[in-house]
C-alpha cells in the first residue's frame, strides 16, 4: 500500500478509475450550471452568465458538474469528484471583473498529489486553490502547483486539469468538450502539462 501511495502522483490512475466518465459521447458542449446547494444562495442551480457580477462576483467559487445529468439537484448529490470542478471567478486584479469567459477558471476537484479535494481560498494572502489534506496549493489562473507536495512533483503531475470555458453572445458560460490528454485539458487525477517559451513550466520561488 505504501508503494502505491508513493507512485500515485506519477501514474495515470485517474484515466483508469474515471473510465466510466470518459466515454467521448458524454462530452458535449454544455452550459455552466452551478450545483444546486443552499450555500450557493442566489447562484444555486443557475446558468452562469459572465455579465452578472452580482450573482457571480469576482473572487468567488462554486462547484459544477461535468458531464451534467441535466438536473442541478441530482448533480449536487453526486459525490464523484472526478465529475466535479471548482468554478472560480477570478479576483478583480486577475481580471475577474471582466465580462467574458476569461474571468473564470474551472479546476477538477481531484488533487494531483493524493486525490483529496481542493477548494478555492478567497482570503487575502491566499487567493489560490488549496488542498486541505497535505497543503498543496495551485495558483490562479493556470493551476500550477506552487506549494506543498504537488509543487515538487515532476511535470505534468504538478498542475491541475481544467475545463475550457467560452461565453456565447448572451453571456452564458459554456464548457467546451475536453480532450483528456496532458497537453490539452490534462488527465483527471494525474495532471496537466504547462509550457512557457516552449519548455515545461516548473514553479520556482522568486529570487
N, C-alpha and C. Protein backbone atom coordinates (compact mmCIF):
# COMPACT_ATOMS: atom_id res chain seq x y z
N UNK A 1 0.83 -1.21 0.00
CA UNK A 1 0.00 0.00 0.00
C UNK A 1 0.87 1.26 0.00
N UNK A 2 1.94 1.22 0.81
CA UNK A 2 2.84 2.37 0.85
C UNK A 2 3.45 2.66 -0.50
N UNK A 3 3.84 1.60 -1.21
CA UNK A 3 4.43 1.78 -2.54
C UNK A 3 3.43 2.39 -3.50
N UNK A 4 2.17 1.97 -3.40
CA UNK A 4 1.14 2.52 -4.29
C UNK A 4 0.94 4.00 -4.02
N UNK A 5 0.96 4.40 -2.74
CA UNK A 5 0.78 5.81 -2.42
C UNK A 5 1.93 6.65 -2.93
N UNK A 6 3.13 6.10 -2.89
CA UNK A 6 4.29 6.83 -3.41
C UNK A 6 4.19 7.00 -4.91
N UNK A 7 3.70 5.97 -5.59
CA UNK A 7 3.63 6.01 -7.05
C UNK A 7 2.43 6.77 -7.57
N UNK A 8 1.42 6.98 -6.73
CA UNK A 8 0.15 7.55 -7.19
C UNK A 8 0.30 8.81 -8.02
N UNK A 9 1.18 9.78 -7.63
CA UNK A 9 1.26 11.02 -8.42
C UNK A 9 1.84 10.83 -9.81
N UNK A 10 2.51 9.70 -10.06
CA UNK A 10 3.23 9.54 -11.31
C UNK A 10 2.55 8.57 -12.28
N UNK A 11 1.44 8.02 -11.88
CA UNK A 11 0.73 7.03 -12.71
C UNK A 11 -0.63 7.59 -13.08
N UNK A 12 -1.08 7.42 -14.33
CA UNK A 12 -2.38 7.98 -14.74
C UNK A 12 -3.55 7.20 -14.17
N UNK A 13 -3.60 7.07 -12.81
CA UNK A 13 -4.69 6.34 -12.19
C UNK A 13 -6.03 6.96 -12.53
N UNK A 14 -6.09 8.28 -12.61
CA UNK A 14 -7.36 8.95 -12.90
C UNK A 14 -7.93 8.50 -14.22
N UNK A 15 -7.06 8.28 -15.19
CA UNK A 15 -7.51 7.82 -16.50
C UNK A 15 -8.14 6.44 -16.38
N UNK A 16 -7.57 5.62 -15.48
CA UNK A 16 -8.09 4.27 -15.29
C UNK A 16 -9.39 4.29 -14.49
N UNK A 17 -9.38 4.96 -13.32
CA UNK A 17 -10.52 4.91 -12.44
C UNK A 17 -11.71 5.71 -12.95
N UNK A 18 -11.44 6.71 -13.77
CA UNK A 18 -12.55 7.52 -14.27
C UNK A 18 -12.99 7.07 -15.66
N UNK A 19 -12.67 5.83 -16.00
CA UNK A 19 -13.02 5.33 -17.34
C UNK A 19 -14.52 5.42 -17.59
N UNK A 20 -15.30 5.28 -16.51
CA UNK A 20 -16.75 5.30 -16.68
C UNK A 20 -17.26 6.66 -17.13
N UNK A 21 -16.49 7.73 -16.90
CA UNK A 21 -16.95 9.06 -17.32
C UNK A 21 -16.21 9.54 -18.56
N UNK A 22 -15.38 8.66 -19.14
CA UNK A 22 -14.55 9.10 -20.25
C UNK A 22 -15.06 8.63 -21.60
N UNK A 23 -16.33 8.30 -21.66
CA UNK A 23 -16.95 7.98 -22.93
C UNK A 23 -17.06 9.27 -23.73
N UNK A 24 -16.35 9.37 -24.88
CA UNK A 24 -16.37 10.63 -25.64
C UNK A 24 -17.77 11.11 -25.97
N UNK A 25 -18.73 10.17 -26.07
CA UNK A 25 -20.10 10.57 -26.38
C UNK A 25 -20.74 11.40 -25.30
N UNK A 26 -20.21 11.31 -24.08
CA UNK A 26 -20.77 12.09 -22.96
C UNK A 26 -20.28 13.53 -22.98
N UNK A 27 -19.19 13.78 -23.66
CA UNK A 27 -18.56 15.09 -23.58
C UNK A 27 -19.07 15.98 -24.71
N UNK A 28 -20.06 16.76 -24.36
CA UNK A 28 -20.68 17.69 -25.29
C UNK A 28 -20.48 19.10 -24.75
N UNK A 29 -20.68 20.07 -25.65
CA UNK A 29 -20.70 21.46 -25.19
C UNK A 29 -21.87 21.62 -24.23
N UNK A 30 -21.61 22.23 -23.10
CA UNK A 30 -22.60 22.28 -22.03
C UNK A 30 -22.57 23.63 -21.35
N UNK A 31 -23.75 24.17 -21.07
CA UNK A 31 -23.80 25.42 -20.30
C UNK A 31 -23.31 25.15 -18.88
N UNK A 32 -22.65 26.14 -18.30
CA UNK A 32 -22.15 26.01 -16.93
C UNK A 32 -23.30 26.30 -15.97
N UNK A 33 -23.66 25.28 -15.19
CA UNK A 33 -24.74 25.40 -14.21
C UNK A 33 -24.17 25.07 -12.84
N UNK A 34 -24.42 25.94 -11.87
CA UNK A 34 -23.94 25.72 -10.51
C UNK A 34 -24.73 24.58 -9.86
N UNK A 35 -24.03 23.66 -9.18
CA UNK A 35 -24.73 22.61 -8.44
C UNK A 35 -25.71 23.26 -7.47
N UNK A 36 -26.88 22.67 -7.35
CA UNK A 36 -27.96 23.27 -6.57
C UNK A 36 -27.79 22.95 -5.08
N UNK A 37 -26.97 23.77 -4.42
CA UNK A 37 -26.72 23.62 -2.99
C UNK A 37 -27.10 24.91 -2.27
N UNK A 38 -27.70 24.80 -1.08
CA UNK A 38 -28.16 26.00 -0.37
C UNK A 38 -27.07 27.03 -0.11
N UNK A 39 -25.82 26.56 0.12
CA UNK A 39 -24.75 27.52 0.43
C UNK A 39 -24.41 28.45 -0.73
N UNK A 40 -24.87 28.10 -1.94
CA UNK A 40 -24.60 28.96 -3.09
C UNK A 40 -25.66 30.04 -3.28
N UNK A 41 -26.68 30.02 -2.43
CA UNK A 41 -27.70 31.08 -2.38
C UNK A 41 -28.26 31.39 -3.77
N UNK A 42 -28.16 32.66 -4.21
CA UNK A 42 -28.79 33.05 -5.47
C UNK A 42 -28.19 32.33 -6.68
N UNK A 43 -26.95 31.84 -6.55
CA UNK A 43 -26.29 31.17 -7.68
C UNK A 43 -26.69 29.71 -7.82
N UNK A 44 -27.28 29.13 -6.78
CA UNK A 44 -27.59 27.69 -6.77
C UNK A 44 -28.50 27.30 -7.93
N UNK A 45 -28.05 26.33 -8.72
CA UNK A 45 -28.85 25.82 -9.82
C UNK A 45 -28.94 26.73 -11.02
N UNK A 46 -28.20 27.83 -11.02
CA UNK A 46 -28.32 28.82 -12.08
C UNK A 46 -27.27 28.62 -13.19
N UNK A 47 -27.67 28.98 -14.40
CA UNK A 47 -26.72 29.06 -15.51
C UNK A 47 -25.85 30.29 -15.28
N UNK A 48 -24.55 30.13 -15.40
CA UNK A 48 -23.63 31.24 -15.14
C UNK A 48 -23.62 32.19 -16.33
N UNK A 49 -23.77 33.46 -16.03
CA UNK A 49 -23.69 34.49 -17.06
C UNK A 49 -22.55 35.44 -16.71
N UNK A 50 -21.65 35.64 -17.65
CA UNK A 50 -20.45 36.45 -17.38
C UNK A 50 -20.79 37.91 -17.08
N UNK A 51 -21.96 38.36 -17.50
CA UNK A 51 -22.35 39.75 -17.29
C UNK A 51 -22.94 40.00 -15.90
N UNK A 52 -23.24 38.92 -15.17
CA UNK A 52 -23.92 39.03 -13.88
C UNK A 52 -22.88 39.06 -12.75
N UNK A 53 -22.45 40.27 -12.43
CA UNK A 53 -21.44 40.44 -11.39
C UNK A 53 -22.03 40.41 -9.98
N UNK A 54 -23.35 40.42 -9.88
CA UNK A 54 -23.99 40.38 -8.56
C UNK A 54 -24.15 38.93 -8.10
N UNK A 55 -24.68 38.08 -8.97
CA UNK A 55 -24.86 36.67 -8.61
C UNK A 55 -23.53 35.93 -8.63
N UNK A 56 -22.64 36.33 -9.55
CA UNK A 56 -21.36 35.67 -9.73
C UNK A 56 -20.22 36.69 -9.62
N UNK A 57 -19.98 37.18 -8.40
CA UNK A 57 -19.00 38.26 -8.22
C UNK A 57 -17.56 37.77 -8.32
N UNK A 58 -16.62 38.69 -8.61
CA UNK A 58 -15.20 38.32 -8.61
C UNK A 58 -14.77 37.74 -7.25
N UNK A 59 -13.74 36.90 -7.31
CA UNK A 59 -13.17 36.27 -6.12
C UNK A 59 -14.18 35.40 -5.39
N UNK A 60 -14.97 34.66 -6.18
CA UNK A 60 -15.97 33.74 -5.63
C UNK A 60 -15.81 32.37 -6.27
N UNK A 61 -16.42 31.37 -5.66
CA UNK A 61 -16.26 30.00 -6.16
C UNK A 61 -17.52 29.16 -5.90
N UNK A 62 -17.72 28.18 -6.76
CA UNK A 62 -18.85 27.27 -6.70
C UNK A 62 -18.39 25.92 -7.25
N UNK A 63 -19.19 24.88 -7.04
CA UNK A 63 -18.91 23.58 -7.63
C UNK A 63 -19.88 23.34 -8.78
N UNK A 64 -19.34 22.83 -9.88
CA UNK A 64 -20.15 22.46 -11.04
C UNK A 64 -19.87 21.01 -11.40
N UNK A 65 -20.76 20.41 -12.16
CA UNK A 65 -20.61 19.02 -12.57
C UNK A 65 -20.48 18.93 -14.09
N UNK A 66 -19.53 18.11 -14.52
CA UNK A 66 -19.37 17.88 -15.96
C UNK A 66 -18.85 16.47 -16.18
N UNK A 67 -19.51 15.66 -17.01
CA UNK A 67 -20.77 15.99 -17.68
C UNK A 67 -21.93 16.04 -16.68
N UNK A 68 -22.89 16.88 -16.96
CA UNK A 68 -24.03 17.06 -16.07
C UNK A 68 -25.13 16.04 -16.38
N UNK A 69 -25.90 15.71 -15.34
CA UNK A 69 -27.07 14.85 -15.53
C UNK A 69 -28.22 15.62 -16.18
N UNK A 70 -28.10 16.96 -16.18
CA UNK A 70 -29.19 17.80 -16.65
C UNK A 70 -30.09 18.29 -15.52
N UNK A 71 -29.82 17.81 -14.30
CA UNK A 71 -30.59 18.21 -13.13
C UNK A 71 -29.59 18.68 -12.08
N UNK A 72 -29.57 19.96 -11.79
CA UNK A 72 -28.56 20.51 -10.88
C UNK A 72 -28.70 20.00 -9.45
N UNK A 73 -29.90 19.55 -9.06
CA UNK A 73 -30.10 18.98 -7.72
C UNK A 73 -29.49 17.59 -7.65
N UNK A 74 -29.70 16.78 -8.69
CA UNK A 74 -29.07 15.46 -8.75
C UNK A 74 -27.56 15.60 -8.82
N UNK A 75 -27.10 16.57 -9.60
CA UNK A 75 -25.65 16.80 -9.70
C UNK A 75 -25.06 17.12 -8.33
N UNK A 76 -25.76 17.94 -7.56
CA UNK A 76 -25.26 18.33 -6.24
C UNK A 76 -25.13 17.14 -5.30
N UNK A 77 -25.97 16.11 -5.50
CA UNK A 77 -25.95 14.93 -4.64
C UNK A 77 -24.88 13.92 -5.05
N UNK A 78 -24.31 14.10 -6.23
CA UNK A 78 -23.30 13.17 -6.73
C UNK A 78 -21.95 13.49 -6.10
N UNK A 79 -21.36 12.51 -5.42
CA UNK A 79 -20.10 12.74 -4.70
C UNK A 79 -18.87 12.37 -5.51
N UNK A 80 -19.02 12.01 -6.78
CA UNK A 80 -17.88 11.60 -7.60
C UNK A 80 -17.04 12.82 -7.98
N UNK A 81 -15.88 12.98 -7.31
CA UNK A 81 -15.07 14.17 -7.56
C UNK A 81 -14.43 14.19 -8.94
N UNK A 82 -14.42 13.05 -9.63
CA UNK A 82 -13.89 13.05 -10.99
C UNK A 82 -14.82 13.77 -11.96
N UNK A 83 -16.06 14.01 -11.54
CA UNK A 83 -17.00 14.77 -12.37
C UNK A 83 -17.27 16.17 -11.80
N UNK A 84 -16.51 16.56 -10.78
CA UNK A 84 -16.72 17.83 -10.11
C UNK A 84 -15.58 18.80 -10.44
N UNK A 85 -15.95 20.07 -10.56
CA UNK A 85 -14.98 21.13 -10.88
C UNK A 85 -15.28 22.33 -10.02
N UNK A 86 -14.21 22.97 -9.55
CA UNK A 86 -14.35 24.22 -8.80
C UNK A 86 -14.35 25.35 -9.82
N UNK A 87 -15.49 25.99 -9.97
CA UNK A 87 -15.59 27.16 -10.84
C UNK A 87 -15.22 28.38 -10.01
N UNK A 88 -14.22 29.12 -10.46
CA UNK A 88 -13.74 30.29 -9.74
C UNK A 88 -13.86 31.52 -10.64
N UNK A 89 -14.55 32.53 -10.13
CA UNK A 89 -14.47 33.82 -10.81
C UNK A 89 -13.27 34.52 -10.20
N UNK A 90 -12.30 34.81 -11.02
CA UNK A 90 -11.01 35.31 -10.55
C UNK A 90 -11.15 36.60 -9.74
N UNK A 91 -10.19 36.88 -8.86
CA UNK A 91 -10.17 38.19 -8.21
C UNK A 91 -10.08 39.30 -9.26
N UNK A 92 -10.55 40.47 -8.92
CA UNK A 92 -10.56 41.58 -9.87
C UNK A 92 -9.17 41.87 -10.41
N UNK A 93 -8.15 41.73 -9.58
CA UNK A 93 -6.79 42.03 -10.03
C UNK A 93 -6.28 41.03 -11.07
N UNK A 94 -6.98 39.90 -11.20
CA UNK A 94 -6.62 38.92 -12.22
C UNK A 94 -7.63 38.90 -13.37
N UNK A 95 -8.51 39.90 -13.40
CA UNK A 95 -9.47 40.01 -14.49
C UNK A 95 -10.85 39.46 -14.19
N UNK A 96 -11.13 39.19 -12.92
CA UNK A 96 -12.43 38.63 -12.57
C UNK A 96 -13.60 39.57 -12.77
N UNK A 97 -13.33 40.86 -12.96
CA UNK A 97 -14.41 41.80 -13.22
C UNK A 97 -14.68 41.98 -14.72
N UNK A 98 -13.93 41.26 -15.54
CA UNK A 98 -14.19 41.30 -16.98
C UNK A 98 -15.47 40.52 -17.30
N UNK A 99 -16.21 41.00 -18.28
CA UNK A 99 -17.47 40.34 -18.63
C UNK A 99 -17.26 39.42 -19.83
N UNK A 100 -16.38 38.44 -19.64
CA UNK A 100 -16.15 37.43 -20.66
C UNK A 100 -15.63 36.16 -19.98
N UNK A 101 -15.41 35.11 -20.76
CA UNK A 101 -15.04 33.82 -20.20
C UNK A 101 -13.69 33.84 -19.50
N UNK A 102 -12.83 34.80 -19.85
CA UNK A 102 -11.51 34.87 -19.24
C UNK A 102 -11.56 35.20 -17.75
N UNK A 103 -12.72 35.64 -17.27
CA UNK A 103 -12.89 35.96 -15.85
C UNK A 103 -13.02 34.71 -14.99
N UNK A 104 -13.15 33.54 -15.61
CA UNK A 104 -13.42 32.30 -14.89
C UNK A 104 -12.36 31.24 -15.18
N UNK A 105 -12.14 30.37 -14.21
CA UNK A 105 -11.39 29.13 -14.42
C UNK A 105 -12.17 28.01 -13.75
N UNK A 106 -11.95 26.78 -14.22
CA UNK A 106 -12.63 25.61 -13.64
C UNK A 106 -11.62 24.48 -13.51
N UNK A 107 -11.18 24.21 -12.28
CA UNK A 107 -10.23 23.14 -11.99
C UNK A 107 -10.97 21.90 -11.50
N UNK A 108 -10.47 20.73 -11.88
CA UNK A 108 -11.03 19.48 -11.36
C UNK A 108 -10.87 19.44 -9.85
N UNK A 109 -11.77 18.72 -9.16
CA UNK A 109 -11.77 18.64 -7.70
C UNK A 109 -10.90 17.51 -7.15
N UNK A 110 -10.06 16.91 -7.98
CA UNK A 110 -9.17 15.83 -7.53
C UNK A 110 -7.74 16.36 -7.52
N UNK A 111 -7.15 16.47 -6.33
CA UNK A 111 -5.77 16.93 -6.21
C UNK A 111 -4.84 15.96 -6.92
N UNK A 112 -3.84 16.48 -7.62
CA UNK A 112 -2.92 15.62 -8.36
C UNK A 112 -1.85 15.01 -7.46
N UNK A 113 -1.90 15.30 -6.17
CA UNK A 113 -0.98 14.65 -5.24
C UNK A 113 -1.56 13.31 -4.82
N UNK A 114 -2.50 13.30 -3.87
CA UNK A 114 -3.07 12.02 -3.42
C UNK A 114 -4.60 12.04 -3.42
N UNK A 115 -5.17 12.82 -4.35
CA UNK A 115 -6.60 12.74 -4.65
C UNK A 115 -7.54 13.27 -3.59
N UNK A 116 -7.06 14.08 -2.67
CA UNK A 116 -8.00 14.79 -1.81
C UNK A 116 -8.73 15.83 -2.69
N UNK A 117 -9.63 16.57 -2.08
CA UNK A 117 -10.45 17.51 -2.85
C UNK A 117 -10.10 18.95 -2.49
N UNK A 118 -9.38 19.66 -3.37
CA UNK A 118 -9.01 21.06 -3.08
C UNK A 118 -10.21 21.99 -3.13
N UNK A 119 -10.01 23.16 -2.55
CA UNK A 119 -11.03 24.22 -2.54
C UNK A 119 -10.36 25.56 -2.78
N UNK A 120 -11.10 26.48 -3.39
CA UNK A 120 -10.56 27.82 -3.57
C UNK A 120 -10.62 28.57 -2.25
N UNK A 121 -9.52 29.24 -1.90
CA UNK A 121 -9.47 30.09 -0.71
C UNK A 121 -9.41 31.54 -1.17
N UNK A 122 -10.48 32.31 -0.96
CA UNK A 122 -10.54 33.69 -1.46
C UNK A 122 -9.90 34.73 -0.54
N UNK A 123 -9.36 34.31 0.61
CA UNK A 123 -8.85 35.25 1.60
C UNK A 123 -7.59 35.96 1.09
N UNK A 124 -7.40 37.19 1.56
CA UNK A 124 -6.17 37.92 1.24
C UNK A 124 -4.96 37.11 1.69
N UNK A 125 -3.94 37.11 0.86
CA UNK A 125 -2.76 36.31 1.16
C UNK A 125 -2.86 34.89 0.66
N UNK A 126 -4.03 34.51 0.17
CA UNK A 126 -4.24 33.18 -0.39
C UNK A 126 -4.66 33.34 -1.86
N UNK A 127 -5.97 33.43 -2.09
CA UNK A 127 -6.50 33.56 -3.45
C UNK A 127 -5.85 32.51 -4.36
N UNK A 128 -5.96 31.27 -3.91
CA UNK A 128 -5.39 30.13 -4.63
C UNK A 128 -6.24 28.90 -4.34
N UNK A 129 -5.98 27.86 -5.10
CA UNK A 129 -6.69 26.59 -4.98
C UNK A 129 -5.89 25.72 -4.02
N UNK A 130 -6.47 25.38 -2.86
CA UNK A 130 -5.71 24.75 -1.79
C UNK A 130 -6.27 23.38 -1.41
N UNK A 131 -5.37 22.43 -1.21
CA UNK A 131 -5.77 21.10 -0.78
C UNK A 131 -5.65 21.02 0.74
N UNK A 132 -6.72 20.64 1.44
CA UNK A 132 -6.69 20.63 2.90
C UNK A 132 -5.93 19.44 3.50
N UNK A 133 -5.62 18.44 2.71
CA UNK A 133 -5.01 17.23 3.26
C UNK A 133 -3.51 17.35 3.48
N UNK A 134 -2.79 17.81 2.46
CA UNK A 134 -1.33 17.82 2.55
C UNK A 134 -0.71 19.17 2.19
N UNK A 135 -1.54 20.18 2.00
CA UNK A 135 -1.02 21.53 1.83
C UNK A 135 -0.62 21.93 0.42
N UNK A 136 -0.95 21.13 -0.58
CA UNK A 136 -0.66 21.55 -1.95
C UNK A 136 -1.50 22.78 -2.28
N UNK A 137 -0.91 23.73 -2.99
CA UNK A 137 -1.61 24.94 -3.40
C UNK A 137 -1.33 25.20 -4.87
N UNK A 138 -2.35 25.63 -5.58
CA UNK A 138 -2.26 25.84 -7.03
C UNK A 138 -2.63 27.29 -7.33
N UNK A 139 -1.83 27.94 -8.14
CA UNK A 139 -2.03 29.36 -8.40
C UNK A 139 -3.11 29.58 -9.47
N UNK A 140 -3.64 30.78 -9.44
CA UNK A 140 -4.56 31.24 -10.48
C UNK A 140 -3.77 32.08 -11.48
N UNK A 141 -4.15 32.05 -12.75
CA UNK A 141 -5.27 31.28 -13.29
C UNK A 141 -4.88 29.95 -13.94
N UNK A 142 -3.59 29.57 -13.91
CA UNK A 142 -3.19 28.40 -14.72
C UNK A 142 -3.18 27.08 -13.97
N UNK A 143 -3.31 27.09 -12.63
CA UNK A 143 -3.40 25.84 -11.89
C UNK A 143 -2.08 25.15 -11.61
N UNK A 144 -0.96 25.87 -11.75
CA UNK A 144 0.34 25.28 -11.46
C UNK A 144 0.54 25.20 -9.94
N UNK A 145 1.02 24.05 -9.46
CA UNK A 145 1.28 23.89 -8.03
C UNK A 145 2.45 24.76 -7.61
N UNK A 146 2.25 25.53 -6.54
CA UNK A 146 3.29 26.44 -6.05
C UNK A 146 3.70 26.14 -4.62
N UNK A 147 3.03 25.21 -3.97
CA UNK A 147 3.35 24.86 -2.58
C UNK A 147 2.91 23.44 -2.31
N UNK A 148 3.50 22.85 -1.27
CA UNK A 148 3.12 21.50 -0.87
C UNK A 148 3.71 20.44 -1.77
N UNK A 149 3.37 19.19 -1.54
CA UNK A 149 3.97 18.08 -2.28
C UNK A 149 3.73 18.11 -3.78
N UNK A 150 2.59 18.64 -4.21
CA UNK A 150 2.33 18.69 -5.66
C UNK A 150 3.33 19.58 -6.38
N UNK A 151 3.88 20.59 -5.66
CA UNK A 151 4.82 21.52 -6.28
C UNK A 151 6.18 20.89 -6.57
N UNK A 152 6.48 19.77 -5.91
CA UNK A 152 7.77 19.11 -6.16
C UNK A 152 7.62 17.88 -7.05
N UNK A 153 6.40 17.61 -7.47
CA UNK A 153 6.19 16.53 -8.42
C UNK A 153 6.65 16.97 -9.80
N UNK A 154 7.14 16.03 -10.61
CA UNK A 154 7.62 16.41 -11.94
C UNK A 154 6.46 16.69 -12.88
N UNK A 155 6.65 17.60 -13.85
CA UNK A 155 5.63 17.79 -14.87
C UNK A 155 5.40 16.47 -15.61
N UNK A 156 4.20 16.16 -16.04
CA UNK A 156 3.00 17.00 -15.98
C UNK A 156 2.13 16.74 -14.76
N UNK A 157 2.70 16.22 -13.67
CA UNK A 157 1.90 15.90 -12.49
C UNK A 157 1.86 17.05 -11.48
N UNK A 158 2.18 18.26 -11.92
CA UNK A 158 2.24 19.41 -10.99
C UNK A 158 1.28 20.54 -11.37
N UNK A 159 0.26 20.25 -12.15
CA UNK A 159 -0.73 21.27 -12.50
C UNK A 159 -2.10 20.62 -12.61
N UNK A 160 -3.13 21.39 -12.27
CA UNK A 160 -4.50 20.85 -12.24
C UNK A 160 -5.10 20.72 -13.64
N UNK A 161 -5.80 19.61 -13.92
CA UNK A 161 -6.64 19.54 -15.11
C UNK A 161 -7.73 20.61 -15.07
N UNK A 162 -8.09 21.11 -16.24
CA UNK A 162 -9.05 22.22 -16.31
C UNK A 162 -10.11 21.95 -17.37
N UNK A 163 -11.16 22.75 -17.31
CA UNK A 163 -12.15 22.82 -18.38
C UNK A 163 -11.90 24.09 -19.18
N UNK A 164 -12.13 24.02 -20.48
CA UNK A 164 -12.04 25.21 -21.33
C UNK A 164 -13.42 25.86 -21.37
N UNK A 165 -13.47 27.14 -21.05
CA UNK A 165 -14.73 27.87 -20.95
C UNK A 165 -14.83 28.93 -22.04
N UNK A 166 -16.04 29.08 -22.57
CA UNK A 166 -16.32 30.12 -23.55
C UNK A 166 -17.64 30.78 -23.18
N UNK A 167 -17.91 31.93 -23.74
CA UNK A 167 -19.18 32.61 -23.49
C UNK A 167 -19.88 32.86 -24.82
N UNK A 168 -21.21 32.66 -24.84
CA UNK A 168 -21.96 32.93 -26.06
C UNK A 168 -22.35 34.40 -26.13
N UNK A 169 -23.08 34.76 -27.16
CA UNK A 169 -23.41 36.18 -27.38
C UNK A 169 -24.28 36.78 -26.28
N UNK A 170 -25.00 35.92 -25.55
CA UNK A 170 -25.84 36.39 -24.45
C UNK A 170 -25.10 36.42 -23.13
N UNK A 171 -23.84 35.98 -23.13
CA UNK A 171 -23.05 35.97 -21.91
C UNK A 171 -23.08 34.67 -21.14
N UNK A 172 -23.87 33.69 -21.61
CA UNK A 172 -23.91 32.40 -20.91
C UNK A 172 -22.56 31.71 -21.05
N UNK A 173 -22.07 31.18 -19.92
CA UNK A 173 -20.79 30.50 -19.90
C UNK A 173 -20.97 29.05 -20.31
N UNK A 174 -20.07 28.56 -21.16
CA UNK A 174 -20.15 27.20 -21.67
C UNK A 174 -18.87 26.43 -21.43
N UNK A 175 -19.00 25.12 -21.32
CA UNK A 175 -17.86 24.21 -21.24
C UNK A 175 -17.67 23.60 -22.62
N UNK A 176 -16.47 23.72 -23.16
CA UNK A 176 -16.17 23.09 -24.44
C UNK A 176 -15.75 21.64 -24.21
N UNK A 177 -16.10 20.72 -25.12
CA UNK A 177 -15.75 19.31 -24.93
C UNK A 177 -14.25 19.13 -24.68
N UNK A 178 -13.89 18.52 -23.56
CA UNK A 178 -12.47 18.39 -23.22
C UNK A 178 -11.79 17.26 -23.98
N UNK A 179 -10.47 17.37 -24.05
CA UNK A 179 -9.62 16.28 -24.54
C UNK A 179 -8.72 15.92 -23.36
N UNK A 180 -8.95 14.74 -22.79
CA UNK A 180 -8.24 14.36 -21.57
C UNK A 180 -6.86 13.80 -21.90
N UNK A 181 -5.97 14.70 -22.28
CA UNK A 181 -4.57 14.39 -22.52
C UNK A 181 -3.74 15.44 -21.79
N UNK A 182 -2.52 15.08 -21.39
CA UNK A 182 -1.71 16.00 -20.58
C UNK A 182 -1.43 17.31 -21.30
N UNK A 183 -1.36 17.30 -22.63
CA UNK A 183 -1.06 18.53 -23.36
C UNK A 183 -2.31 19.32 -23.73
N UNK A 184 -3.47 18.84 -23.31
CA UNK A 184 -4.71 19.57 -23.58
C UNK A 184 -5.37 19.95 -22.24
N UNK A 185 -6.50 19.31 -21.91
CA UNK A 185 -7.16 19.62 -20.64
C UNK A 185 -6.48 18.97 -19.44
N UNK A 186 -5.58 18.03 -19.68
CA UNK A 186 -4.95 17.29 -18.61
C UNK A 186 -5.56 15.91 -18.47
N UNK A 187 -5.08 15.13 -17.53
CA UNK A 187 -5.62 13.81 -17.22
C UNK A 187 -6.14 13.85 -15.79
N UNK A 188 -7.40 13.52 -15.60
CA UNK A 188 -8.02 13.60 -14.28
C UNK A 188 -7.27 12.73 -13.28
N UNK A 189 -6.92 13.31 -12.15
CA UNK A 189 -6.20 12.60 -11.11
C UNK A 189 -4.71 12.53 -11.32
N UNK A 190 -4.22 12.98 -12.48
CA UNK A 190 -2.79 12.91 -12.76
C UNK A 190 -2.17 14.29 -12.91
N UNK A 191 -2.68 15.10 -13.84
CA UNK A 191 -2.11 16.43 -14.01
C UNK A 191 -2.19 16.94 -15.43
N UNK A 192 -1.49 18.05 -15.65
CA UNK A 192 -1.55 18.73 -16.94
C UNK A 192 -0.21 19.40 -17.20
N UNK A 193 0.23 19.36 -18.45
CA UNK A 193 1.49 19.99 -18.82
C UNK A 193 1.27 21.48 -19.07
N UNK A 194 2.14 22.30 -18.48
CA UNK A 194 2.14 23.73 -18.73
C UNK A 194 3.44 24.10 -19.41
N UNK A 195 3.35 24.96 -20.40
CA UNK A 195 4.53 25.31 -21.16
C UNK A 195 4.77 26.81 -21.15
N UNK A 196 6.03 27.19 -21.08
CA UNK A 196 6.43 28.60 -21.14
C UNK A 196 7.68 28.68 -22.01
N UNK A 197 7.60 29.44 -23.08
CA UNK A 197 8.71 29.55 -24.03
C UNK A 197 9.15 28.18 -24.54
N UNK A 198 8.16 27.32 -24.77
CA UNK A 198 8.46 26.01 -25.35
C UNK A 198 8.97 24.99 -24.36
N UNK A 199 9.06 25.36 -23.05
CA UNK A 199 9.58 24.44 -22.05
C UNK A 199 8.51 24.18 -20.99
N UNK A 200 8.58 22.99 -20.41
CA UNK A 200 7.65 22.68 -19.32
C UNK A 200 7.91 23.64 -18.17
N UNK A 201 6.84 24.22 -17.64
CA UNK A 201 6.95 25.23 -16.59
C UNK A 201 7.00 24.58 -15.21
N UNK A 202 8.07 24.79 -14.48
CA UNK A 202 8.21 24.32 -13.11
C UNK A 202 8.29 25.53 -12.20
N UNK A 203 7.48 25.54 -11.16
CA UNK A 203 7.42 26.71 -10.27
C UNK A 203 8.72 26.89 -9.50
N UNK A 204 9.19 28.11 -9.42
CA UNK A 204 10.34 28.46 -8.58
C UNK A 204 10.01 29.72 -7.81
N UNK A 205 10.41 29.73 -6.55
CA UNK A 205 10.19 30.92 -5.73
C UNK A 205 10.97 32.10 -6.31
N UNK A 206 10.38 33.31 -6.25
CA UNK A 206 11.06 34.50 -6.73
C UNK A 206 12.35 34.71 -5.94
N UNK A 207 13.41 35.06 -6.65
CA UNK A 207 14.69 35.31 -6.00
C UNK A 207 15.48 34.05 -5.73
